[in-house]
Amino acid sequence: MEKNNMTRKILFLVFALSLFLGENTFAQGVARKYLVLLKDKANSPFSTSKPTDFLSARSIDRRKKQNIPLISRDLPVNPTYVSEMKKVGAKITFTSKWMNAALVEADSSVLKKVLALSFVKGIEGNIALNLGANGTRTSYKFETESANFDYGKADTQIKMLKANLMHDQGYRGEGMMIGVLDAGFLNANKIPCLKTLFDEKRVVGTFDFVANEKNVYEDDTHGTHVLSLMAASLDGQMLGTAPKASYLLLRSEDAFTEKLIEEANWLFAAEYADSVGVDMINSSLGYSEFDYTLTNHKYKDMNGNTTIAAKAADWAAATGIVCVVSAGNEGLSPWRYIATPADADSIITVGSVNKSQFPAPSSSIGPSADGRIKPDLSAMGEGATIGDTQGSISSGSGTSYSSPLLCGFIAGFWQANPKLTAMQVIDAMRKSGSQYTKPDAKLGYGIPDFVRVQKVLGITVPETIVPLGNEPSENRTFVVLPNPFQGNAVLSIKNYDGKPVALTVTDILGKNIWTGTVNEEKQSLPFQNFKSGLYFLKAESNKGTEVIKIMKE
């Protein structure tokens, strides 16, 4: 009896809301999409003792490295429950293990049957997720400038983070996997600046949660721009912050509408990214106001615990993923504040600055509704260099671009310090901010950089890089002579202790060219077959690691 009363209450709430809004939401025969919540995961065939049944080895390893135990939230939705909902006529598109829910498409008669099932708890938000209206999209505008840009300014966005020093030390994202949640990646597999990414097969997977298909290369341009800021590798024109990382490309956003279902798509995409085993997620998306105005969020909802997207971001963080999310571009709008999931508490929310490191006026401000510092950090988003879908190197503005710049930078930092947990990475990044002791609502803790964040860990990074490794120095162990060279070169080791030294040579784009070992104080290096150009020689010994720039004439 109590169960039937609860069902009637839920149905009444949905029906009353539809009448108030003038939408025939609950009309007989009209199918809508609902996020149906389930009561439990009882009698499930899945078990935390057999994680390989539902998680990749990489996802399991990420948890093990950070001592994160598997819990019931990690278990998939009980397939018996899904089957029972289908039997009463519901169409199930996706399920959410973290929310223990299913995306159900049903008309009113089928929905009544679904809600009457003993294992069904109710409907998230008591509303259909795909309600539309004639209003205009008001949340999260993606700003774009003209394509007439001084390509030399691409250096600014890298050097502002001192990511060039990180790259010089050989950390370009190798071995890291980044999930990109966006609105589509039009032509990403065809443009020159991302050619190396695809040639090296470092796109590990794709999925479109809007169209329920694998192809993500036919929709919106925004994700391509975002991806280029991390993954671009075009010598002399553009280099992303993590040009050697691997990427999982996921479409969760429908750029032509603004509906609550897109937050559910974000949840599904984040869960998928977790199961594949990503280390990081970049999301240049945010939600505050919708086409269907009564589903709008209020500023008080930006507390990290209310919205679907914020919950999903925190659940992702709980699995050991570092989530990097753009703050939003509403600084000049009536909304002004960050948009969800930027309000989540265990993530890095990114604001935007210009080339002079002043706050971009359009960058959304904090704090979160419960008073936490937001954004967490900032990077260059105004006048950022991007790769466009026509194959050109262009420019654009918005926190949509500062977020991936910072995400790729963090990937390189984590590569350099692989023993850190996700929360330790976030903590170190915040402490390295340019205004860590005086955070504010515009830039948060400020702009991080590689020198400061390594210093947080007690590691000194030389800020002045010797152009070529041919000048003796008290602070340097390895010297290459001659440099530049034409044939062979000789490596000299100061105070050599007789222990082997491992050598690796990469080109300017991070491609491995040569590896070897030296066992003498002075040893000839077989570089005569190198093509003319700049290379990086990494020497690793028991005394530490140095990266030396060498040049073949």
Protein backbone atom coordinates (compact mmCIF):
# COMPACT_ATOMS: atom_id res chain seq x y z
CA MET A 1 0.00 0.00 0.00
CA GLU A 2 2.81 2.44 0.91
CA LYS A 3 4.54 1.66 -2.42
CA ASN A 4 1.40 2.53 -4.42
CA ASN A 5 0.97 5.81 -2.55
CA MET A 6 4.55 6.81 -3.35
CA THR A 7 4.00 5.95 -7.02
CA ARG A 8 0.88 8.13 -7.16
CA LYS A 9 2.78 11.03 -5.54
CA ILE A 10 5.58 10.84 -8.10
CA LEU A 11 3.13 10.64 -10.99
CA PHE A 12 1.21 13.61 -9.63
CA LEU A 13 4.37 15.73 -9.36
CA VAL A 14 5.36 15.03 -12.94
CA PHE A 15 1.79 15.60 -14.19
CA ALA A 16 1.37 18.85 -12.24
CA LEU A 17 4.67 20.20 -13.49
CA SER A 18 3.77 19.44 -17.09
CA LEU A 19 0.42 21.25 -16.74
CA PHE A 20 2.05 24.29 -15.14
CA LEU A 21 4.53 24.60 -17.96
CA GLY A 22 1.96 24.18 -20.69
CA GLU A 23 3.84 21.13 -22.04
CA ASN A 24 1.91 17.96 -22.77
CA THR A 25 4.71 16.10 -21.06
CA PHE A 26 2.63 13.31 -19.62
CA ALA A 27 0.23 12.90 -22.52
CA GLN A 28 -0.85 9.40 -23.44
CA GLY A 29 1.37 8.03 -26.21
CA VAL A 30 4.06 10.74 -25.93
CA ALA A 31 7.41 9.14 -25.09
CA ARG A 32 9.79 11.08 -22.88
CA LYS A 33 13.16 10.23 -21.34
CA TYR A 34 13.49 9.86 -17.57
CA LEU A 35 16.40 8.99 -15.31
CA VAL A 36 14.73 6.25 -13.27
CA LEU A 37 16.38 5.60 -9.89
CA LEU A 38 16.67 2.06 -8.57
CA LYS A 39 16.55 1.04 -4.92
CA ASP A 40 19.49 -1.34 -4.73
CA LYS A 41 21.88 -3.70 -6.50
CA ALA A 42 20.66 -6.80 -4.69
CA ASN A 43 21.21 -10.24 -6.24
CA SER A 44 23.45 -8.76 -8.91
CA PRO A 45 25.69 -11.10 -10.91
CA PHE A 46 28.49 -8.57 -10.47
CA SER A 47 30.81 -8.51 -7.47
CA THR A 48 33.59 -6.24 -6.22
CA SER A 49 35.70 -9.39 -5.91
CA LYS A 50 35.57 -9.83 -9.72
CA PRO A 51 36.22 -6.33 -11.08
CA THR A 52 37.42 -7.57 -14.48
CA ASP A 53 33.79 -8.39 -15.28
CA PHE A 54 32.97 -4.67 -15.53
CA LEU A 55 36.21 -2.63 -15.46
CA SER A 56 39.29 -2.59 -17.69
CA ALA A 57 42.64 -3.64 -16.28
CA ARG A 58 43.80 -0.04 -16.58
CA SER A 59 40.84 1.22 -14.53
CA ILE A 60 41.52 -1.38 -11.83
CA ASP A 61 45.23 -0.49 -11.78
CA ARG A 62 44.41 3.21 -11.33
CA ARG A 63 42.46 2.39 -8.19
CA LYS A 64 45.16 0.05 -6.86
CA LYS A 65 47.91 2.64 -7.31
CA GLN A 66 45.92 5.10 -5.20
CA ASN A 67 44.64 2.53 -2.66
CA ILE A 68 41.04 3.16 -3.69
CA PRO A 69 38.84 0.15 -2.83
CA LEU A 70 36.03 -1.03 -5.05
CA ILE A 71 32.61 -0.37 -3.51
CA SER A 72 29.02 -1.16 -4.44
CA ARG A 73 28.78 2.13 -6.34
CA ASP A 74 31.27 0.70 -8.85
CA LEU A 75 28.99 -2.24 -9.63
CA PRO A 76 26.87 -2.02 -12.79
CA VAL A 77 23.09 -1.76 -12.59
CA ASN A 78 21.46 -5.12 -11.96
CA PRO A 79 20.74 -6.51 -15.47
CA THR A 80 17.62 -8.26 -14.13
CA TYR A 81 16.14 -4.86 -13.26
CA VAL A 82 16.89 -3.62 -16.75
CA SER A 83 15.24 -6.69 -18.23
CA GLU A 84 12.12 -6.24 -16.10
CA MET A 85 11.73 -2.60 -17.16
CA LYS A 86 12.02 -3.64 -20.80
CA LYS A 87 9.34 -6.28 -20.27
CA VAL A 88 6.79 -3.61 -19.34
CA GLY A 89 7.59 -1.67 -22.52
CA ALA A 90 10.36 0.75 -21.51
CA LYS A 91 13.22 1.50 -23.85
CA ILE A 92 16.55 1.59 -21.98
CA THR A 93 19.30 3.61 -23.67
CA PHE A 94 22.00 3.83 -20.97
CA THR A 95 22.43 2.88 -17.33
CA SER A 96 24.39 4.61 -14.55
CA LYS A 97 26.21 2.49 -12.00
CA TRP A 98 27.16 5.51 -9.87
CA MET A 99 23.60 6.83 -9.58
CA ASN A 100 22.10 3.32 -9.82
CA ALA A 101 19.73 4.51 -12.49
CA ALA A 102 18.56 3.85 -16.03
CA LEU A 103 17.72 6.25 -18.83
CA VAL A 104 14.17 5.16 -19.66
CA GLU A 105 12.17 6.28 -22.67
CA ALA A 106 8.46 5.74 -22.07
CA ASP A 107 5.00 7.24 -22.47
CA SER A 108 2.71 7.74 -19.49
CA SER A 109 1.20 4.26 -19.52
CA VAL A 110 4.60 2.54 -19.65
CA LEU A 111 6.05 4.90 -17.07
CA LYS A 112 3.30 3.93 -14.63
CA LYS A 113 4.27 0.30 -15.04
CA VAL A 114 7.95 1.11 -14.53
CA LEU A 115 7.26 3.08 -11.36
CA ALA A 116 5.14 0.23 -10.02
CA LEU A 117 8.07 -2.20 -10.13
CA SER A 118 9.23 -3.14 -6.63
CA PHE A 119 12.90 -2.24 -7.24
CA VAL A 120 12.20 1.26 -8.63
CA LYS A 121 12.84 4.18 -6.27
CA GLY A 122 11.55 7.08 -8.39
CA ILE A 123 12.55 9.65 -10.99
CA GLU A 124 15.55 11.95 -10.66
CA GLY A 125 14.18 15.48 -10.30
CA ASN A 126 10.61 14.20 -10.87
CA ILE A 127 10.80 15.37 -14.45
CA ALA A 128 11.48 14.25 -18.00
CA LEU A 129 15.01 15.10 -19.07
CA ASN A 130 14.42 15.90 -22.72
CA LEU A 131 11.75 18.58 -22.41
CA GLY A 132 12.05 21.31 -25.02
CA ALA A 133 10.76 24.84 -25.37
CA ASN A 134 10.83 27.74 -27.79
CA GLY A 135 13.25 29.66 -25.63
CA THR A 136 16.84 30.37 -26.57
CA ARG A 137 19.88 28.71 -25.11
CA THR A 138 21.18 30.88 -22.32
CA SER A 139 23.85 28.86 -20.59
CA TYR A 140 27.46 28.38 -21.55
CA LYS A 141 28.22 30.36 -24.63
CA PHE A 142 31.34 29.25 -26.52
CA GLU A 143 33.17 32.34 -27.73
CA THR A 144 35.27 32.38 -30.89
CA GLU A 145 37.41 35.13 -32.36
CA SER A 146 38.55 35.60 -35.94
CA ALA A 147 41.05 33.23 -37.52
CA ASN A 148 43.53 36.05 -38.14
CA PHE A 149 46.03 35.32 -35.39
CA ASP A 150 49.74 35.84 -34.82
CA TYR A 151 50.97 32.27 -34.61
CA GLY A 152 53.95 33.33 -32.53
CA LYS A 153 51.59 34.00 -29.65
CA ALA A 154 51.03 30.28 -29.31
CA ASP A 155 54.17 30.32 -27.18
CA THR A 156 52.45 32.51 -24.60
CA GLN A 157 49.86 29.95 -23.48
CA ILE A 158 52.57 27.30 -23.05
CA LYS A 159 55.17 29.47 -21.36
CA MET A 160 52.62 31.00 -19.00
CA LEU A 161 52.44 27.55 -17.40
CA LYS A 162 56.16 26.95 -17.97
CA ALA A 163 55.04 23.83 -19.76
CA ASN A 164 57.98 24.37 -22.11
CA LEU A 165 60.31 23.43 -19.24
CA MET A 166 58.19 20.35 -18.60
CA HIS A 167 58.46 19.39 -22.28
CA ASP A 168 62.20 20.00 -22.21
CA GLN A 169 62.48 17.45 -19.43
CA GLY A 170 60.73 14.90 -21.62
CA TYR A 171 57.23 15.00 -20.11
CA ARG A 172 54.72 15.39 -22.92
CA GLY A 173 51.96 13.14 -21.63
CA GLU A 174 53.45 9.77 -22.62
CA GLY A 175 51.51 6.97 -20.95
CA MET A 176 48.68 9.22 -19.75
CA MET A 177 45.09 8.80 -20.93
CA ILE A 178 42.67 11.74 -21.07
CA GLY A 179 38.92 11.46 -21.59
CA VAL A 180 37.48 14.47 -23.42
CA LEU A 181 33.75 15.12 -22.86
CA ASP A 182 32.48 17.61 -25.41
CA ALA A 183 29.96 18.49 -28.13
CA GLY A 184 31.66 16.70 -31.03
CA PHE A 185 34.99 16.48 -32.78
CA LEU A 186 34.25 17.53 -36.36
CA ASN A 187 37.14 16.66 -38.70
CA ALA A 188 39.50 15.96 -35.80
CA ASN A 189 40.68 12.85 -37.64
CA LYS A 190 41.51 14.88 -40.77
CA ILE A 191 43.28 18.10 -39.73
CA PRO A 192 47.10 18.49 -39.88
CA CYS A 193 47.73 19.53 -36.29
CA LEU A 194 46.22 16.25 -35.00
CA LYS A 195 47.67 13.99 -37.69
CA THR A 196 50.40 12.63 -35.40
CA LEU A 197 47.78 11.73 -32.78
CA PHE A 198 45.86 9.59 -35.25
CA ASP A 199 48.91 8.24 -37.09
CA GLU A 200 50.24 6.91 -33.80
CA LYS A 201 46.80 5.46 -32.94
CA ARG A 202 46.60 7.26 -29.62
CA VAL A 203 42.84 7.80 -29.84
CA VAL A 204 41.86 4.77 -27.78
CA GLY A 205 38.11 4.99 -28.37
CA THR A 206 35.11 7.14 -29.23
CA PHE A 207 31.42 7.23 -28.36
CA ASP A 208 28.51 9.60 -28.95
CA PHE A 209 26.07 9.55 -26.01
CA VAL A 210 23.71 11.95 -27.79
CA ALA A 211 23.21 9.85 -30.95
CA ASN A 212 24.13 6.50 -29.32
CA GLU A 213 26.82 5.66 -31.88
CA LYS A 214 30.60 5.47 -32.13
CA ASN A 215 31.22 8.24 -34.68
CA VAL A 216 32.14 11.57 -33.05
CA TYR A 217 33.75 13.23 -36.08
CA GLU A 218 30.60 14.53 -37.80
CA ASP A 219 29.05 16.84 -35.23
CA ASP A 220 30.20 20.05 -33.53
CA THR A 221 33.53 21.88 -33.96
CA HIS A 222 34.03 22.69 -30.31
CA GLY A 223 35.60 19.42 -29.20
CA THR A 224 38.14 19.61 -32.03
CA HIS A 225 39.30 23.02 -30.83
CA VAL A 226 39.51 21.72 -27.26
CA LEU A 227 41.43 18.59 -28.26
CA SER A 228 43.96 20.62 -30.25
CA LEU A 229 45.01 22.57 -27.16
CA MET A 230 46.20 19.32 -25.59
CA ALA A 231 47.10 17.04 -28.48
CA ALA A 232 48.28 19.28 -31.35
CA SER A 233 51.69 18.43 -32.79
CA LEU A 234 52.57 20.55 -35.80
CA ASP A 235 56.20 21.56 -35.88
CA GLY A 236 56.70 25.33 -36.04
CA GLN A 237 53.01 26.14 -35.72
CA MET A 238 51.37 24.60 -32.67
CA LEU A 239 52.20 22.16 -29.89
CA GLY A 240 49.63 21.18 -27.27
CA THR A 241 50.33 20.79 -23.57
CA ALA A 242 50.13 16.96 -23.78
CA PRO A 243 51.00 16.11 -27.40
CA LYS A 244 52.01 12.50 -26.60
CA ALA A 245 49.08 11.48 -24.38
CA SER A 246 46.33 9.08 -25.42
CA TYR A 247 42.75 10.30 -25.73
CA LEU A 248 39.22 8.93 -25.35
CA LEU A 249 36.78 11.13 -27.29
CA LEU A 250 33.23 11.24 -25.96
CA ARG A 251 30.30 13.35 -27.14
CA SER A 252 27.87 14.14 -24.32
CA GLU A 253 26.67 17.61 -25.38
CA ASP A 254 24.04 18.51 -27.98
CA ALA A 255 25.22 21.94 -29.11
CA PHE A 256 21.85 22.84 -30.64
CA THR A 257 19.78 22.56 -27.48
CA GLU A 258 20.19 22.94 -23.74
CA LYS A 259 18.32 20.22 -21.88
CA LEU A 260 18.77 18.49 -18.57
CA ILE A 261 19.41 15.19 -20.36
CA GLU A 262 22.85 16.50 -21.28
CA GLU A 263 23.84 16.29 -17.62
CA ALA A 264 22.74 12.65 -17.67
CA ASN A 265 24.86 12.16 -20.79
CA TRP A 266 27.80 13.67 -18.88
CA LEU A 267 27.23 11.08 -16.14
CA PHE A 268 27.15 8.18 -18.63
CA ALA A 269 30.26 9.46 -20.41
CA ALA A 270 32.22 9.87 -17.17
CA GLU A 271 31.34 6.31 -16.12
CA TYR A 272 32.44 5.01 -19.51
CA ALA A 273 35.71 6.94 -19.21
CA ASP A 274 36.27 5.38 -15.79
CA SER A 275 35.65 1.87 -17.10
CA VAL A 276 38.12 2.37 -19.97
CA GLY A 277 40.75 3.55 -17.47
CA VAL A 278 41.38 7.23 -18.12
CA ASP A 279 43.69 9.12 -15.77
CA MET A 280 42.01 12.45 -16.41
CA ILE A 281 38.83 13.99 -17.78
CA ASN A 282 38.59 17.36 -19.49
CA SER A 283 35.13 18.85 -19.80
CA SER A 284 34.65 22.27 -21.38
CA LEU A 285 30.90 22.13 -20.74
CA GLY A 286 28.64 23.65 -18.14
CA TYR A 287 24.97 23.94 -17.24
CA SER A 288 22.95 26.57 -15.43
CA GLU A 289 19.92 27.61 -17.49
CA PHE A 290 17.96 25.51 -19.96
CA ASP A 291 15.58 25.87 -22.89
CA TYR A 292 12.83 24.56 -20.62
CA THR A 293 13.06 27.29 -17.99
CA LEU A 294 11.53 25.51 -14.99
CA THR A 295 14.41 23.04 -15.09
CA ASN A 296 16.89 25.93 -14.64
CA HIS A 297 19.41 25.67 -11.86
CA LYS A 298 19.71 28.41 -9.30
CA TYR A 299 22.96 29.71 -7.85
CA LYS A 300 22.15 27.93 -4.58
CA ASP A 301 22.31 24.66 -6.53
CA MET A 302 26.00 25.29 -7.31
CA ASN A 303 27.01 23.61 -4.05
CA GLY A 304 28.70 20.51 -5.47
CA ASN A 305 26.00 18.14 -4.23
CA THR A 306 22.78 18.96 -6.05
CA THR A 307 23.08 18.59 -9.81
CA ILE A 308 23.51 15.38 -11.77
CA ALA A 309 26.72 16.68 -13.37
CA ALA A 310 28.35 17.75 -10.09
CA LYS A 311 27.58 14.41 -8.46
CA ALA A 312 29.01 12.62 -11.49
CA ALA A 313 32.22 14.68 -11.37
CA ASP A 314 32.74 13.91 -7.69
CA TRP A 315 32.05 10.22 -8.25
CA ALA A 316 34.64 10.23 -11.03
CA ALA A 317 37.12 11.90 -8.68
CA ALA A 318 36.41 9.22 -6.07
CA THR A 319 37.70 6.58 -8.51
CA GLY A 320 41.09 8.35 -8.77
CA ILE A 321 40.44 10.44 -11.89
CA VAL A 322 41.59 14.07 -12.02
CA CYS A 323 38.67 16.00 -13.51
CA VAL A 324 39.44 19.38 -15.10
CA VAL A 325 36.35 21.49 -15.87
CA SER A 326 35.94 24.94 -17.39
CA ALA A 327 34.35 27.53 -15.12
CA GLY A 328 32.05 28.97 -17.80
CA ASN A 329 31.82 32.16 -19.82
CA GLU A 330 29.06 33.96 -17.94
CA GLY A 331 31.10 36.69 -16.24
CA LEU A 332 29.31 39.43 -18.19
CA SER A 333 25.86 37.84 -18.13
CA PRO A 334 23.17 38.14 -15.44
CA TRP A 335 24.09 34.63 -14.20
CA ARG A 336 27.79 35.57 -13.66
CA TYR A 337 28.71 32.49 -11.64
CA ILE A 338 30.32 29.13 -12.40
CA ALA A 339 28.06 26.53 -14.01
CA THR A 340 27.82 22.89 -12.98
CA PRO A 341 29.84 20.60 -12.89
CA ALA A 342 32.39 23.33 -12.14
CA ASP A 343 30.91 23.49 -8.62
CA ALA A 344 32.04 19.94 -7.75
CA ASP A 345 34.46 19.93 -4.83
CA SER A 346 37.02 17.26 -5.77
CA ILE A 347 37.94 18.62 -9.18
CA ILE A 348 39.94 21.46 -10.73
CA THR A 349 37.73 24.25 -12.08
CA VAL A 350 39.51 26.54 -14.53
CA GLY A 351 39.05 30.26 -15.11
CA SER A 352 40.44 32.29 -18.00
CA VAL A 353 43.11 34.99 -18.31
CA ASN A 354 44.52 36.96 -21.23
CA LYS A 355 48.12 37.00 -22.41
CA SER A 356 48.96 39.58 -19.71
CA GLN A 357 47.57 37.23 -17.04
CA PHE A 358 44.61 39.50 -16.25
CA PRO A 359 41.19 37.90 -15.72
CA ALA A 360 39.10 37.58 -18.87
CA PRO A 361 35.90 39.62 -18.29
CA SER A 362 33.70 36.79 -19.60
CA SER A 363 35.19 34.17 -17.27
CA SER A 364 32.58 32.95 -14.76
CA ILE A 365 33.23 33.82 -11.15
CA GLY A 366 32.97 31.98 -7.85
CA PRO A 367 32.69 31.08 -5.13
CA SER A 368 30.53 27.95 -5.09
CA ALA A 369 27.19 28.40 -3.38
CA ASP A 370 28.57 26.84 -0.19
CA GLY A 371 31.51 29.25 -0.13
CA ARG A 372 34.39 27.17 -1.56
CA ILE A 373 37.10 28.78 -3.71
CA LYS A 374 36.06 28.57 -7.35
CA PRO A 375 37.54 28.60 -9.87
CA ASP A 376 40.44 26.59 -8.48
CA LEU A 377 43.05 27.70 -11.02
CA SER A 378 43.33 29.68 -14.24
CA ALA A 379 45.12 29.55 -17.57
CA MET A 380 45.15 31.49 -20.82
CA GLY A 381 41.74 31.33 -22.47
CA GLU A 382 41.42 34.74 -24.07
CA GLY A 383 43.12 34.76 -27.47
CA ALA A 384 44.21 31.13 -27.17
CA THR A 385 45.79 29.39 -30.15
CA ILE A 386 43.66 26.51 -31.44
CA GLY A 387 43.52 24.14 -34.39
CA ASP A 388 40.28 24.62 -36.32
CA THR A 389 38.20 22.14 -38.27
CA GLN A 390 39.34 23.53 -41.62
CA GLY A 391 42.92 22.57 -40.90
CA SER A 392 44.20 26.04 -40.00
CA ILE A 393 45.85 27.29 -36.83
CA SER A 394 43.41 29.87 -35.51
CA SER A 395 42.39 31.52 -32.23
CA GLY A 396 39.49 31.54 -29.84
CA SER A 397 38.47 32.69 -26.39
CA GLY A 398 36.74 31.21 -23.38
CA THR A 399 37.28 28.95 -20.41
CA SER A 400 36.57 26.17 -22.90
CA TYR A 401 40.19 26.68 -23.95
CA SER A 402 41.89 27.44 -20.64
CA SER A 403 40.60 24.13 -19.27
CA PRO A 404 42.26 21.78 -21.81
CA LEU A 405 45.47 23.81 -21.70
CA LEU A 406 45.63 23.15 -17.98
CA CYS A 407 44.44 19.55 -18.29
CA GLY A 408 47.29 18.66 -20.67
CA PHE A 409 49.74 20.46 -18.40
CA ILE A 410 48.56 18.45 -15.40
CA ALA A 411 48.91 15.24 -17.42
CA GLY A 412 52.60 16.00 -18.00
CA PHE A 413 53.10 16.86 -14.32
CA TRP A 414 51.44 13.60 -13.23
CA GLN A 415 53.60 11.71 -15.74
CA ALA A 416 56.64 13.27 -14.07
CA ASN A 417 55.35 12.30 -10.61
CA PRO A 418 53.49 9.00 -11.13
CA LYS A 419 53.35 8.00 -7.46
CA LEU A 420 50.99 10.84 -6.58
CA THR A 421 47.29 10.17 -6.05
CA ALA A 422 44.69 12.23 -7.88
CA MET A 423 43.96 14.31 -4.79
CA GLN A 424 47.68 14.89 -4.21
CA VAL A 425 47.95 16.14 -7.79
CA ILE A 426 45.06 18.54 -7.24
CA ASP A 427 46.53 19.75 -3.94
CA ALA A 428 49.97 20.37 -5.46
CA MET A 429 48.43 22.25 -8.38
CA ARG A 430 46.43 24.53 -6.12
CA LYS A 431 49.49 25.24 -3.96
CA SER A 432 51.47 26.20 -7.07
CA GLY A 433 48.97 28.90 -8.05
CA SER A 434 50.34 32.41 -8.51
CA GLN A 435 48.04 33.75 -5.78
CA TYR A 436 47.78 30.71 -3.54
CA THR A 437 47.96 32.76 -0.34
CA LYS A 438 45.32 35.23 -1.56
CA PRO A 439 42.77 33.36 -3.72
CA ASP A 440 39.81 35.23 -5.17
CA ALA A 441 36.55 34.62 -7.01
CA LYS A 442 38.00 35.40 -10.45
CA LEU A 443 41.22 33.37 -10.71
CA GLY A 444 40.95 31.13 -7.65
CA TYR A 445 44.45 30.20 -6.52
CA GLY A 446 45.83 31.72 -9.70
CA ILE A 447 47.98 30.40 -12.53
CA PRO A 448 50.12 27.33 -11.77
CA ASP A 449 53.45 26.62 -13.43
CA PHE A 450 55.85 23.68 -13.67
CA VAL A 451 58.60 25.27 -11.60
CA ARG A 452 56.31 26.09 -8.66
CA VAL A 453 54.40 22.81 -8.71
CA GLN A 454 57.62 20.79 -8.71
CA LYS A 455 58.91 22.98 -5.88
CA VAL A 456 55.80 22.02 -3.88
CA LEU A 457 57.15 18.47 -4.09
CA GLY A 458 60.68 19.57 -3.21
CA ILE A 459 61.99 19.27 -6.77
CA THR A 460 64.03 22.09 -8.32
CA VAL A 461 63.53 22.85 -12.00
CA PRO A 462 66.13 25.13 -13.64
CA GLU A 463 64.25 28.07 -15.14
CA THR A 464 67.03 28.94 -17.56
CA ILE A 465 67.58 26.19 -20.10
CA VAL A 466 71.02 25.97 -21.74
CA PRO A 467 70.23 26.31 -25.48
CA LEU A 468 72.58 23.46 -26.36
CA GLY A 469 74.32 20.91 -24.14
CA ASN A 470 77.86 22.08 -24.91
CA GLU A 471 78.72 24.42 -22.05
CA PRO A 472 80.31 23.02 -18.86
CA SER A 473 78.52 24.06 -15.69
CA GLU A 474 78.81 23.30 -12.00
CA ASN A 475 75.14 22.34 -12.04
CA ARG A 476 75.39 19.98 -15.00
CA THR A 477 76.64 16.40 -15.06
CA PHE A 478 76.46 15.70 -18.81
CA VAL A 479 77.98 17.65 -21.73
CA VAL A 480 77.78 16.84 -25.46
CA LEU A 481 80.60 17.97 -27.78
CA PRO A 482 80.57 19.14 -30.48
CA ASN A 483 77.11 20.65 -30.35
CA PRO A 484 75.85 21.37 -32.99
CA PHE A 485 77.40 18.26 -34.56
CA GLN A 486 77.65 16.90 -38.08
CA GLY A 487 78.81 13.30 -37.55
CA ASN A 488 79.31 11.58 -34.23
CA ALA A 489 79.13 13.44 -30.94
CA VAL A 490 80.86 12.69 -27.62
CA LEU A 491 79.12 12.58 -24.26
CA SER A 492 81.26 13.63 -21.26
CA ILE A 493 80.19 12.77 -17.72
CA LYS A 494 81.47 14.86 -14.82
CA ASN A 495 82.68 12.88 -11.78
CA TYR A 496 81.73 9.60 -13.44
CA ASP A 497 81.23 6.84 -10.85
CA GLY A 498 81.41 3.87 -13.23
CA LYS A 499 77.67 3.16 -13.15
CA PRO A 500 75.76 2.76 -16.47
CA VAL A 501 73.88 5.75 -17.84
CA ALA A 502 70.68 5.18 -19.90
CA LEU A 503 70.25 7.52 -22.87
CA THR A 504 67.14 8.33 -24.88
CA VAL A 505 66.91 10.74 -27.83
CA THR A 506 63.56 12.21 -28.93
CA ASP A 507 62.77 14.71 -31.65
CA ILE A 508 61.03 18.05 -31.13
CA LEU A 509 57.61 16.33 -31.26
CA GLY A 510 58.54 13.67 -28.73
CA LYS A 511 59.13 10.75 -31.11
CA ASN A 512 61.69 8.26 -29.79
CA ILE A 513 64.70 8.34 -32.18
CA TRP A 514 67.42 6.39 -30.38
CA THR A 515 68.15 4.61 -27.09
CA GLY A 516 71.42 3.33 -25.68
CA THR A 517 73.68 2.99 -22.64
CA VAL A 518 77.11 4.46 -21.88
CA ASN A 519 79.65 3.02 -19.43
CA GLU A 520 82.59 5.40 -19.80
CA GLU A 521 83.48 8.92 -18.73
CA LYS A 522 83.69 9.92 -22.41
CA GLN A 523 81.91 7.95 -25.09
CA SER A 524 81.15 8.51 -28.75
CA LEU A 525 77.47 8.61 -29.70
CA PRO A 526 76.37 7.23 -33.12
CA PHE A 527 74.30 10.20 -34.28
CA GLN A 528 75.73 10.50 -37.80
CA ASN A 529 72.49 9.27 -39.42
CA PHE A 530 70.26 11.83 -37.68
CA LYS A 531 68.47 14.29 -39.95
CA SER A 532 69.29 17.96 -39.46
CA GLY A 533 67.33 19.50 -36.62
CA LEU A 534 66.86 19.86 -32.86
CA TYR A 535 66.71 16.85 -30.53
CA PHE A 536 66.51 16.14 -26.80
CA LEU A 537 68.97 13.74 -25.16
CA LYS A 538 67.72 12.41 -21.82
CA ALA A 539 70.48 10.96 -19.58
CA GLU A 540 69.33 8.89 -16.59
CA SER A 541 71.78 7.71 -13.94
CA ASN A 542 71.88 7.03 -10.22
CA LYS A 543 72.67 10.75 -9.82
CA GLY A 544 69.42 11.82 -11.45
CA THR A 545 68.09 12.82 -14.84
CA GLU A 546 69.13 15.61 -17.19
CA VAL A 547 67.73 16.60 -20.57
CA ILE A 548 70.20 18.11 -23.03
CA LYS A 549 69.33 19.93 -26.23
CA ILE A 550 71.45 18.74 -29.14
CA MET A 551 71.42 19.85 -32.77
CA LYS A 552 72.40 18.06 -35.97
CA GLU A 553 73.62 20.48 -38.65
